[in-house]
Amino acid sequence: MTINDQILPAEAHAANKATGTLLNWIGRLGPRIMTWAVTCADEYAAAAMYEQLSALSDAELMRRGLSRATLAHDVRATCDRVSNSATSSKAQARS
């Protein structure tokens, strides 16, 4: 038995490896949870915007350049553009 075996037994090495793997897994999970949370917030914002706009008359929608037939699509596209521009701004700031 060497001095290293007495100070750091093989079980400790195995435990450290498992802990490191768990920490790596948790570290990779964080950005995915953040992406999910941002997506949920964007979808909620789109739903709220759609609810407000759908209450308007057809004439008011036309004045704003919207159509009731494509309202849901237009709102979703707008929220996606806002989300994508915010994401790209954050990515540029990190660079």
PDB file of N, CA and C in Angstrom:
ATOM      1  N   MET A   1       0.851  -1.171   0.000  1.00  0.00           N
ATOM      2  CA  MET A   1       0.000   0.000   0.000  1.00  0.00           C
ATOM      3  C   MET A   1       0.898   1.234   0.000  1.00  0.00           C
ATOM      4  N   THR A   2       0.597   2.148  -0.910  1.00  0.00           N
ATOM      5  CA  THR A   2       1.403   3.369  -0.983  1.00  0.00           C
ATOM      6  C   THR A   2       0.790   4.449  -0.106  1.00  0.00           C
ATOM      7  N   ILE A   3       1.526   5.524   0.055  1.00  0.00           N
ATOM      8  CA  ILE A   3       1.032   6.635   0.871  1.00  0.00           C
ATOM      9  C   ILE A   3      -0.182   7.287   0.218  1.00  0.00           C
ATOM     10  N   ASN A   4      -0.225   7.317  -1.122  1.00  0.00           N
ATOM     11  CA  ASN A   4      -1.387   7.890  -1.823  1.00  0.00           C
ATOM     12  C   ASN A   4      -2.654   7.082  -1.560  1.00  0.00           C
ATOM     13  N   ASP A   5      -2.508   5.769  -1.477  1.00  0.00           N
ATOM     14  CA  ASP A   5      -3.677   4.927  -1.209  1.00  0.00           C
ATOM     15  C   ASP A   5      -4.220   5.185   0.188  1.00  0.00           C
ATOM     16  N   GLN A   6      -3.342   5.490   1.116  1.00  0.00           N
ATOM     17  CA  GLN A   6      -3.804   5.757   2.469  1.00  0.00           C
ATOM     18  C   GLN A   6      -4.509   7.116   2.561  1.00  0.00           C
ATOM     19  N   ILE A   7      -3.992   8.101   1.841  1.00  0.00           N
ATOM     20  CA  ILE A   7      -4.580   9.452   1.921  1.00  0.00           C
ATOM     21  C   ILE A   7      -5.829   9.568   1.057  1.00  0.00           C
ATOM     22  N   LEU A   8      -5.758   9.073  -0.166  1.00  0.00           N
ATOM     23  CA  LEU A   8      -6.876   9.163  -1.101  1.00  0.00           C
ATOM     24  C   LEU A   8      -7.257   7.766  -1.584  1.00  0.00           C
ATOM     25  N   PRO A   9      -8.095   7.075  -0.839  1.00  0.00           N
ATOM     26  CA  PRO A   9      -8.480   5.739  -1.261  1.00  0.00           C
ATOM     27  C   PRO A   9      -9.255   5.762  -2.584  1.00  0.00           C
ATOM     28  N   ALA A  10      -9.345   4.603  -3.213  1.00  0.00           N
ATOM     29  CA  ALA A  10      -9.991   4.480  -4.524  1.00  0.00           C
ATOM     30  C   ALA A  10     -11.454   4.898  -4.460  1.00  0.00           C
ATOM     31  N   GLU A  11     -12.125   4.678  -3.324  1.00  0.00           N
ATOM     32  CA  GLU A  11     -13.531   5.062  -3.202  1.00  0.00           C
ATOM     33  C   GLU A  11     -13.707   6.574  -3.337  1.00  0.00           C
ATOM     34  N   ALA A  12     -12.755   7.323  -2.813  1.00  0.00           N
ATOM     35  CA  ALA A  12     -12.829   8.789  -2.902  1.00  0.00           C
ATOM     36  C   ALA A  12     -12.695   9.232  -4.351  1.00  0.00           C
ATOM     37  N   HIS A  13     -11.799   8.566  -5.100  1.00  0.00           N
ATOM     38  CA  HIS A  13     -11.657   8.906  -6.513  1.00  0.00           C
ATOM     39  C   HIS A  13     -12.965   8.653  -7.254  1.00  0.00           C
ATOM     40  N   ALA A  14     -13.598   7.546  -6.984  1.00  0.00           N
ATOM     41  CA  ALA A  14     -14.865   7.213  -7.649  1.00  0.00           C
ATOM     42  C   ALA A  14     -15.951   8.215  -7.259  1.00  0.00           C
ATOM     43  N   ALA A  15     -15.998   8.602  -6.006  1.00  0.00           N
ATOM     44  CA  ALA A  15     -17.006   9.562  -5.551  1.00  0.00           C
ATOM     45  C   ALA A  15     -16.785  10.919  -6.206  1.00  0.00           C
ATOM     46  N   ASN A  16     -15.528  11.353  -6.317  1.00  0.00           N
ATOM     47  CA  ASN A  16     -15.236  12.634  -6.967  1.00  0.00           C
ATOM     48  C   ASN A  16     -15.627  12.609  -8.430  1.00  0.00           C
ATOM     49  N   LYS A  17     -15.394  11.498  -9.080  1.00  0.00           N
ATOM     50  CA  LYS A  17     -15.760  11.386 -10.494  1.00  0.00           C
ATOM     51  C   LYS A  17     -17.271  11.480 -10.644  1.00  0.00           C
ATOM     52  N   ALA A  18     -18.023  10.807  -9.784  1.00  0.00           N
ATOM     53  CA  ALA A  18     -19.489  10.857  -9.855  1.00  0.00           C
ATOM     54  C   ALA A  18     -19.991  12.260  -9.547  1.00  0.00           C
ATOM     55  N   THR A  19     -19.386  12.927  -8.563  1.00  0.00           N
ATOM     56  CA  THR A  19     -19.789  14.284  -8.216  1.00  0.00           C
ATOM     57  C   THR A  19     -19.490  15.234  -9.358  1.00  0.00           C
ATOM     58  N   GLY A  20     -18.336  15.087  -9.979  1.00  0.00           N
ATOM     59  CA  GLY A  20     -17.978  15.922 -11.121  1.00  0.00           C
ATOM     60  C   GLY A  20     -18.944  15.737 -12.270  1.00  0.00           C
ATOM     61  N   THR A  21     -19.321  14.503 -12.540  1.00  0.00           N
ATOM     62  CA  THR A  21     -20.261  14.219 -13.606  1.00  0.00           C
ATOM     63  C   THR A  21     -21.622  14.828 -13.297  1.00  0.00           C
ATOM     64  N   LEU A  22     -22.066  14.723 -12.059  1.00  0.00           N
ATOM     65  CA  LEU A  22     -23.348  15.311 -11.665  1.00  0.00           C
ATOM     66  C   LEU A  22     -23.308  16.822 -11.802  1.00  0.00           C
ATOM     67  N   LEU A  23     -22.207  17.437 -11.363  1.00  0.00           N
ATOM     68  CA  LEU A  23     -22.084  18.891 -11.487  1.00  0.00           C
ATOM     69  C   LEU A  23     -22.061  19.327 -12.943  1.00  0.00           C
ATOM     70  N   ASN A  24     -21.390  18.566 -13.802  1.00  0.00           N
ATOM     71  CA  ASN A  24     -21.383  18.875 -15.238  1.00  0.00           C
ATOM     72  C   ASN A  24     -22.793  18.777 -15.807  1.00  0.00           C
ATOM     73  N   TRP A  25     -23.517  17.749 -15.404  1.00  0.00           N
ATOM     74  CA  TRP A  25     -24.890  17.562 -15.886  1.00  0.00           C
ATOM     75  C   TRP A  25     -25.782  18.723 -15.441  1.00  0.00           C
ATOM     76  N   ILE A  26     -25.652  19.123 -14.191  1.00  0.00           N
ATOM     77  CA  ILE A  26     -26.432  20.253 -13.674  1.00  0.00           C
ATOM     78  C   ILE A  26     -26.034  21.532 -14.402  1.00  0.00           C
ATOM     79  N   GLY A  27     -24.754  21.698 -14.657  1.00  0.00           N
ATOM     80  CA  GLY A  27     -24.273  22.871 -15.379  1.00  0.00           C
ATOM     81  C   GLY A  27     -24.838  22.966 -16.787  1.00  0.00           C
ATOM     82  N   ARG A  28     -24.977  21.838 -17.460  1.00  0.00           N
ATOM     83  CA  ARG A  28     -25.562  21.830 -18.804  1.00  0.00           C
ATOM     84  C   ARG A  28     -27.072  22.006 -18.757  1.00  0.00           C
ATOM     85  N   LEU A  29     -27.678  21.639 -17.651  1.00  0.00           N
ATOM     86  CA  LEU A  29     -29.122  21.755 -17.514  1.00  0.00           C
ATOM     87  C   LEU A  29     -29.565  23.205 -17.316  1.00  0.00           C
ATOM     88  N   GLY A  30     -28.735  24.010 -16.675  1.00  0.00           N
ATOM     89  CA  GLY A  30     -29.067  25.405 -16.386  1.00  0.00           C
ATOM     90  C   GLY A  30     -29.477  26.213 -17.608  1.00  0.00           C
ATOM     91  N   PRO A  31     -28.673  26.236 -18.680  1.00  0.00           N
ATOM     92  CA  PRO A  31     -29.071  26.993 -19.864  1.00  0.00           C
ATOM     93  C   PRO A  31     -30.361  26.493 -20.502  1.00  0.00           C
ATOM     94  N   ARG A  32     -30.594  25.199 -20.427  1.00  0.00           N
ATOM     95  CA  ARG A  32     -31.842  24.658 -20.988  1.00  0.00           C
ATOM     96  C   ARG A  32     -33.050  25.134 -20.187  1.00  0.00           C
ATOM     97  N   ILE A  33     -32.914  25.177 -18.878  1.00  0.00           N
ATOM     98  CA  ILE A  33     -34.006  25.672 -18.037  1.00  0.00           C
ATOM     99  C   ILE A  33     -34.238  27.147 -18.322  1.00  0.00           C
ATOM    100  N   MET A  34     -33.171  27.909 -18.504  1.00  0.00           N
ATOM    101  CA  MET A  34     -33.301  29.329 -18.813  1.00  0.00           C
ATOM    102  C   MET A  34     -34.003  29.529 -20.159  1.00  0.00           C
ATOM    103  N   THR A  35     -33.642  28.746 -21.147  1.00  0.00           N
ATOM    104  CA  THR A  35     -34.294  28.837 -22.454  1.00  0.00           C
ATOM    105  C   THR A  35     -35.774  28.515 -22.334  1.00  0.00           C
ATOM    106  N   TRP A  36     -36.104  27.493 -21.558  1.00  0.00           N
ATOM    107  CA  TRP A  36     -37.505  27.121 -21.356  1.00  0.00           C
ATOM    108  C   TRP A  36     -38.263  28.253 -20.673  1.00  0.00           C
ATOM    109  N   ALA A  37     -37.672  28.865 -19.657  1.00  0.00           N
ATOM    110  CA  ALA A  37     -38.328  29.953 -18.930  1.00  0.00           C
ATOM    111  C   ALA A  37     -38.555  31.162 -19.833  1.00  0.00           C
ATOM    112  N   VAL A  38     -37.569  31.489 -20.655  1.00  0.00           N
ATOM    113  CA  VAL A  38     -37.707  32.621 -21.586  1.00  0.00           C
ATOM    114  C   VAL A  38     -38.797  32.320 -22.609  1.00  0.00           C
ATOM    115  N   THR A  39     -38.840  31.088 -23.098  1.00  0.00           N
ATOM    116  CA  THR A  39     -39.869  30.703 -24.064  1.00  0.00           C
ATOM    117  C   THR A  39     -41.255  30.803 -23.441  1.00  0.00           C
ATOM    118  N   CYS A  40     -41.399  30.344 -22.213  1.00  0.00           N
ATOM    119  CA  CYS A  40     -42.696  30.454 -21.527  1.00  0.00           C
ATOM    120  C   CYS A  40     -43.109  31.912 -21.368  1.00  0.00           C
ATOM    121  N   ALA A  41     -42.173  32.757 -21.007  1.00  0.00           N
ATOM    122  CA  ALA A  41     -42.473  34.182 -20.845  1.00  0.00           C
ATOM    123  C   ALA A  41     -42.884  34.807 -22.173  1.00  0.00           C
ATOM    124  N   ASP A  42     -42.208  34.428 -23.252  1.00  0.00           N
ATOM    125  CA  ASP A  42     -42.556  34.954 -24.573  1.00  0.00           C
ATOM    126  C   ASP A  42     -43.952  34.506 -24.997  1.00  0.00           C
ATOM    127  N   GLU A  43     -44.263  33.243 -24.749  1.00  0.00           N
ATOM    128  CA  GLU A  43     -45.584  32.729 -25.111  1.00  0.00           C
ATOM    129  C   GLU A  43     -46.681  33.411 -24.294  1.00  0.00           C
ATOM    130  N   TYR A  44     -46.411  33.669 -23.036  1.00  0.00           N
ATOM    131  CA  TYR A  44     -47.372  34.359 -22.184  1.00  0.00           C
ATOM    132  C   TYR A  44     -47.595  35.782 -22.696  1.00  0.00           C
ATOM    133  N   ALA A  45     -46.525  36.455 -23.068  1.00  0.00           N
ATOM    134  CA  ALA A  45     -46.631  37.817 -23.599  1.00  0.00           C
ATOM    135  C   ALA A  45     -47.430  37.826 -24.898  1.00  0.00           C
ATOM    136  N   ALA A  46     -47.193  36.834 -25.759  1.00  0.00           N
ATOM    137  CA  ALA A  46     -47.941  36.751 -27.018  1.00  0.00           C
ATOM    138  C   ALA A  46     -49.419  36.515 -26.751  1.00  0.00           C
ATOM    139  N   ALA A  47     -49.730  35.666 -25.793  1.00  0.00           N
ATOM    140  CA  ALA A  47     -51.133  35.392 -25.469  1.00  0.00           C
ATOM    141  C   ALA A  47     -51.820  36.640 -24.919  1.00  0.00           C
ATOM    142  N   ALA A  48     -51.125  37.382 -24.068  1.00  0.00           N
ATOM    143  CA  ALA A  48     -51.695  38.610 -23.511  1.00  0.00           C
ATOM    144  C   ALA A  48     -51.911  39.658 -24.600  1.00  0.00           C
ATOM    145  N   MET A  49     -50.947  39.777 -25.508  1.00  0.00           N
ATOM    146  CA  MET A  49     -51.078  40.737 -26.603  1.00  0.00           C
ATOM    147  C   MET A  49     -52.246  40.348 -27.516  1.00  0.00           C
ATOM    148  N   TYR A  50     -52.354  39.056 -27.816  1.00  0.00           N
ATOM    149  CA  TYR A  50     -53.441  38.597 -28.666  1.00  0.00           C
ATOM    150  C   TYR A  50     -54.792  38.876 -28.012  1.00  0.00           C
ATOM    151  N   GLU A  51     -54.878  38.628 -26.715  1.00  0.00           N
ATOM    152  CA  GLU A  51     -56.134  38.861 -26.002  1.00  0.00           C
ATOM    153  C   GLU A  51     -56.537  40.330 -26.087  1.00  0.00           C
ATOM    154  N   GLN A  52     -55.597  41.228 -25.920  1.00  0.00           N
ATOM    155  CA  GLN A  52     -55.896  42.659 -25.997  1.00  0.00           C
ATOM    156  C   GLN A  52     -56.297  43.073 -27.410  1.00  0.00           C
ATOM    157  N   LEU A  53     -55.549  42.595 -28.400  1.00  0.00           N
ATOM    158  CA  LEU A  53     -55.836  42.993 -29.773  1.00  0.00           C
ATOM    159  C   LEU A  53     -57.120  42.373 -30.305  1.00  0.00           C
ATOM    160  N   SER A  54     -57.432  41.168 -29.871  1.00  0.00           N
ATOM    161  CA  SER A  54     -58.640  40.502 -30.384  1.00  0.00           C
ATOM    162  C   SER A  54     -59.913  41.192 -29.896  1.00  0.00           C
ATOM    163  N   ALA A  55     -59.798  41.984 -28.836  1.00  0.00           N
ATOM    164  CA  ALA A  55     -60.961  42.709 -28.334  1.00  0.00           C
ATOM    165  C   ALA A  55     -61.276  43.950 -29.175  1.00  0.00           C
ATOM    166  N   LEU A  56     -60.342  44.351 -30.043  1.00  0.00           N
ATOM    167  CA  LEU A  56     -60.552  45.528 -30.873  1.00  0.00           C
ATOM    168  C   LEU A  56     -61.498  45.219 -32.025  1.00  0.00           C
ATOM    169  N   SER A  57     -62.118  46.255 -32.542  1.00  0.00           N
ATOM    170  CA  SER A  57     -63.013  46.093 -33.689  1.00  0.00           C
ATOM    171  C   SER A  57     -62.180  45.840 -34.948  1.00  0.00           C
ATOM    172  N   ASP A  58     -62.836  45.341 -35.983  1.00  0.00           N
ATOM    173  CA  ASP A  58     -62.152  45.102 -37.249  1.00  0.00           C
ATOM    174  C   ASP A  58     -61.588  46.400 -37.814  1.00  0.00           C
ATOM    175  N   ALA A  59     -62.345  47.502 -37.673  1.00  0.00           N
ATOM    176  CA  ALA A  59     -61.881  48.792 -38.175  1.00  0.00           C
ATOM    177  C   ALA A  59     -60.611  49.243 -37.446  1.00  0.00           C
ATOM    178  N   GLU A  60     -60.570  49.050 -36.135  1.00  0.00           N
ATOM    179  CA  GLU A  60     -59.383  49.434 -35.364  1.00  0.00           C
ATOM    180  C   GLU A  60     -58.188  48.558 -35.732  1.00  0.00           C
ATOM    181  N   LEU A  61     -58.434  47.277 -35.945  1.00  0.00           N
ATOM    182  CA  LEU A  61     -57.351  46.388 -36.377  1.00  0.00           C
ATOM    183  C   LEU A  61     -56.811  46.823 -37.728  1.00  0.00           C
ATOM    184  N   MET A  62     -57.714  47.179 -38.653  1.00  0.00           N
ATOM    185  CA  MET A  62     -57.295  47.633 -39.986  1.00  0.00           C
ATOM    186  C   MET A  62     -56.465  48.912 -39.866  1.00  0.00           C
ATOM    187  N   ARG A  63     -56.878  49.817 -38.989  1.00  0.00           N
ATOM    188  CA  ARG A  63     -56.142  51.057 -38.796  1.00  0.00           C
ATOM    189  C   ARG A  63     -54.716  50.773 -38.318  1.00  0.00           C
ATOM    190  N   ARG A  64     -54.530  49.712 -37.571  1.00  0.00           N
ATOM    191  CA  ARG A  64     -53.201  49.326 -37.076  1.00  0.00           C
ATOM    192  C   ARG A  64     -52.456  48.432 -38.056  1.00  0.00           C
ATOM    193  N   GLY A  65     -53.076  48.161 -39.193  1.00  0.00           N
ATOM    194  CA  GLY A  65     -52.427  47.338 -40.203  1.00  0.00           C
ATOM    195  C   GLY A  65     -52.494  45.853 -39.914  1.00  0.00           C
ATOM    196  N   LEU A  66     -53.510  45.442 -39.163  1.00  0.00           N
ATOM    197  CA  LEU A  66     -53.674  44.035 -38.794  1.00  0.00           C
ATOM    198  C   LEU A  66     -54.974  43.495 -39.361  1.00  0.00           C
ATOM    199  N   SER A  67     -55.050  42.215 -39.525  1.00  0.00           N
ATOM    200  CA  SER A  67     -56.254  41.533 -39.980  1.00  0.00           C
ATOM    201  C   SER A  67     -56.645  40.510 -38.929  1.00  0.00           C
ATOM    202  N   ARG A  68     -57.922  40.379 -38.681  1.00  0.00           N
ATOM    203  CA  ARG A  68     -58.369  39.394 -37.700  1.00  0.00           C
ATOM    204  C   ARG A  68     -57.994  37.977 -38.142  1.00  0.00           C
ATOM    205  N   ALA A  69     -57.974  37.748 -39.455  1.00  0.00           N
ATOM    206  CA  ALA A  69     -57.666  36.417 -39.980  1.00  0.00           C
ATOM    207  C   ALA A  69     -56.222  35.994 -39.676  1.00  0.00           C
ATOM    208  N   THR A  70     -55.320  36.955 -39.634  1.00  0.00           N
ATOM    209  CA  THR A  70     -53.909  36.630 -39.411  1.00  0.00           C
ATOM    210  C   THR A  70     -53.391  37.177 -38.086  1.00  0.00           C
ATOM    211  N   LEU A  71     -54.277  37.582 -37.211  1.00  0.00           N
ATOM    212  CA  LEU A  71     -53.879  38.225 -35.958  1.00  0.00           C
ATOM    213  C   LEU A  71     -52.967  37.335 -35.108  1.00  0.00           C
ATOM    214  N   ALA A  72     -53.351  36.098 -34.922  1.00  0.00           N
ATOM    215  CA  ALA A  72     -52.541  35.194 -34.091  1.00  0.00           C
ATOM    216  C   ALA A  72     -51.143  35.013 -34.681  1.00  0.00           C
ATOM    217  N   HIS A  73     -51.076  34.833 -35.985  1.00  0.00           N
ATOM    218  CA  HIS A  73     -49.782  34.663 -36.651  1.00  0.00           C
ATOM    219  C   HIS A  73     -48.933  35.926 -36.507  1.00  0.00           C
ATOM    220  N   ASP A  74     -49.539  37.082 -36.712  1.00  0.00           N
ATOM    221  CA  ASP A  74     -48.807  38.352 -36.616  1.00  0.00           C
ATOM    222  C   ASP A  74     -48.286  38.597 -35.199  1.00  0.00           C
ATOM    223  N   VAL A  75     -49.104  38.325 -34.206  1.00  0.00           N
ATOM    224  CA  VAL A  75     -48.680  38.523 -32.815  1.00  0.00           C
ATOM    225  C   VAL A  75     -47.529  37.586 -32.488  1.00  0.00           C
ATOM    226  N   ARG A  76     -47.651  36.350 -32.877  1.00  0.00           N
ATOM    227  CA  ARG A  76     -46.593  35.367 -32.602  1.00  0.00           C
ATOM    228  C   ARG A  76     -45.296  35.762 -33.287  1.00  0.00           C
ATOM    229  N   ALA A  77     -45.382  36.226 -34.534  1.00  0.00           N
ATOM    230  CA  ALA A  77     -44.185  36.644 -35.264  1.00  0.00           C
ATOM    231  C   ALA A  77     -43.528  37.845 -34.581  1.00  0.00           C
ATOM    232  N   THR A  78     -44.342  38.772 -34.098  1.00  0.00           N
ATOM    233  CA  THR A  78     -43.800  39.938 -33.411  1.00  0.00           C
ATOM    234  C   THR A  78     -43.089  39.530 -32.129  1.00  0.00           C
ATOM    235  N   CYS A  79     -43.701  38.667 -31.350  1.00  0.00           N
ATOM    236  CA  CYS A  79     -43.071  38.222 -30.097  1.00  0.00           C
ATOM    237  C   CYS A  79     -41.801  37.429 -30.371  1.00  0.00           C
ATOM    238  N   ASP A  80     -41.781  36.639 -31.433  1.00  0.00           N
ATOM    239  CA  ASP A  80     -40.576  35.888 -31.790  1.00  0.00           C
ATOM    240  C   ASP A  80     -39.453  36.829 -32.194  1.00  0.00           C
ATOM    241  N   ARG A  81     -39.771  37.881 -32.949  1.00  0.00           N
ATOM    242  CA  ARG A  81     -38.748  38.846 -33.358  1.00  0.00           C
ATOM    243  C   ARG A  81     -38.166  39.559 -32.150  1.00  0.00           C
ATOM    244  N   VAL A  82     -39.022  39.953 -31.212  1.00  0.00           N
ATOM    245  CA  VAL A  82     -38.550  40.634 -30.006  1.00  0.00           C
ATOM    246  C   VAL A  82     -37.652  39.699 -29.210  1.00  0.00           C
ATOM    247  N   SER A  83     -38.071  38.459 -29.056  1.00  0.00           N
ATOM    248  CA  SER A  83     -37.289  37.486 -28.301  1.00  0.00           C
ATOM    249  C   SER A  83     -35.955  37.212 -28.988  1.00  0.00           C
ATOM    250  N   ASN A  84     -35.980  37.029 -30.297  1.00  0.00           N
ATOM    251  CA  ASN A  84     -34.748  36.732 -31.027  1.00  0.00           C
ATOM    252  C   ASN A  84     -33.785  37.908 -31.006  1.00  0.00           C
ATOM    253  N   SER A  85     -34.283  39.126 -31.109  1.00  0.00           N
ATOM    254  CA  SER A  85     -33.385  40.282 -31.074  1.00  0.00           C
ATOM    255  C   SER A  85     -32.787  40.450 -29.688  1.00  0.00           C
ATOM    256  N   ALA A  86     -33.550  40.171 -28.639  1.00  0.00           N
ATOM    257  CA  ALA A  86     -33.027  40.271 -27.281  1.00  0.00           C
ATOM    258  C   ALA A  86     -31.959  39.199 -27.054  1.00  0.00           C
ATOM    259  N   THR A  87     -32.197  38.000 -27.571  1.00  0.00           N
ATOM    260  CA  THR A  87     -31.234  36.914 -27.427  1.00  0.00           C
ATOM    261  C   THR A  87     -29.949  37.240 -28.157  1.00  0.00           C
ATOM    262  N   SER A  88     -30.061  37.766 -29.386  1.00  0.00           N
ATOM    263  CA  SER A  88     -28.851  38.077 -30.144  1.00  0.00           C
ATOM    264  C   SER A  88     -28.111  39.246 -29.505  1.00  0.00           C
ATOM    265  N   SER A  89     -28.808  40.195 -28.904  1.00  0.00           N
ATOM    266  CA  SER A  89     -28.145  41.309 -28.207  1.00  0.00           C
ATOM    267  C   SER A  89     -27.350  40.801 -27.020  1.00  0.00           C
ATOM    268  N   LYS A  90     -27.918  39.859 -26.269  1.00  0.00           N
ATOM    269  CA  LYS A  90     -27.213  39.282 -25.128  1.00  0.00           C
ATOM    270  C   LYS A  90     -25.990  38.515 -25.582  1.00  0.00           C
ATOM    271  N   ALA A  91     -26.118  37.782 -26.702  1.00  0.00           N
ATOM    272  CA  ALA A  91     -24.992  37.011 -27.223  1.00  0.00           C
ATOM    273  C   ALA A  91     -23.877  37.941 -27.686  1.00  0.00           C
ATOM    274  N   GLN A  92     -24.218  39.066 -28.307  1.00  0.00           N
ATOM    275  CA  GLN A  92     -23.209  40.018 -28.743  1.00  0.00           C
ATOM    276  C   GLN A  92     -22.524  40.668 -27.555  1.00  0.00           C
ATOM    277  N   ALA A  93     -23.284  40.935 -26.498  1.00  0.00           N
ATOM    278  CA  ALA A  93     -22.709  41.559 -25.319  1.00  0.00           C
ATOM    279  C   ALA A  93     -21.704  40.644 -24.641  1.00  0.00           C
ATOM    280  N   ARG A  94     -21.933  39.330 -24.710  1.00  0.00           N
ATOM    281  CA  ARG A  94     -21.013  38.366 -24.089  1.00  0.00           C
ATOM    282  C   ARG A  94     -19.724  38.249 -24.879  1.00  0.00           C
ATOM    283  N   SER A  95     -19.780  38.509 -26.186  1.00  0.00           N
ATOM    284  CA  SER A  95     -18.593  38.340 -27.049  1.00  0.00           C
ATOM    285  C   SER A  95     -17.561  39.399 -26.822  1.00  0.00           C
TER     286      SER A  95
END
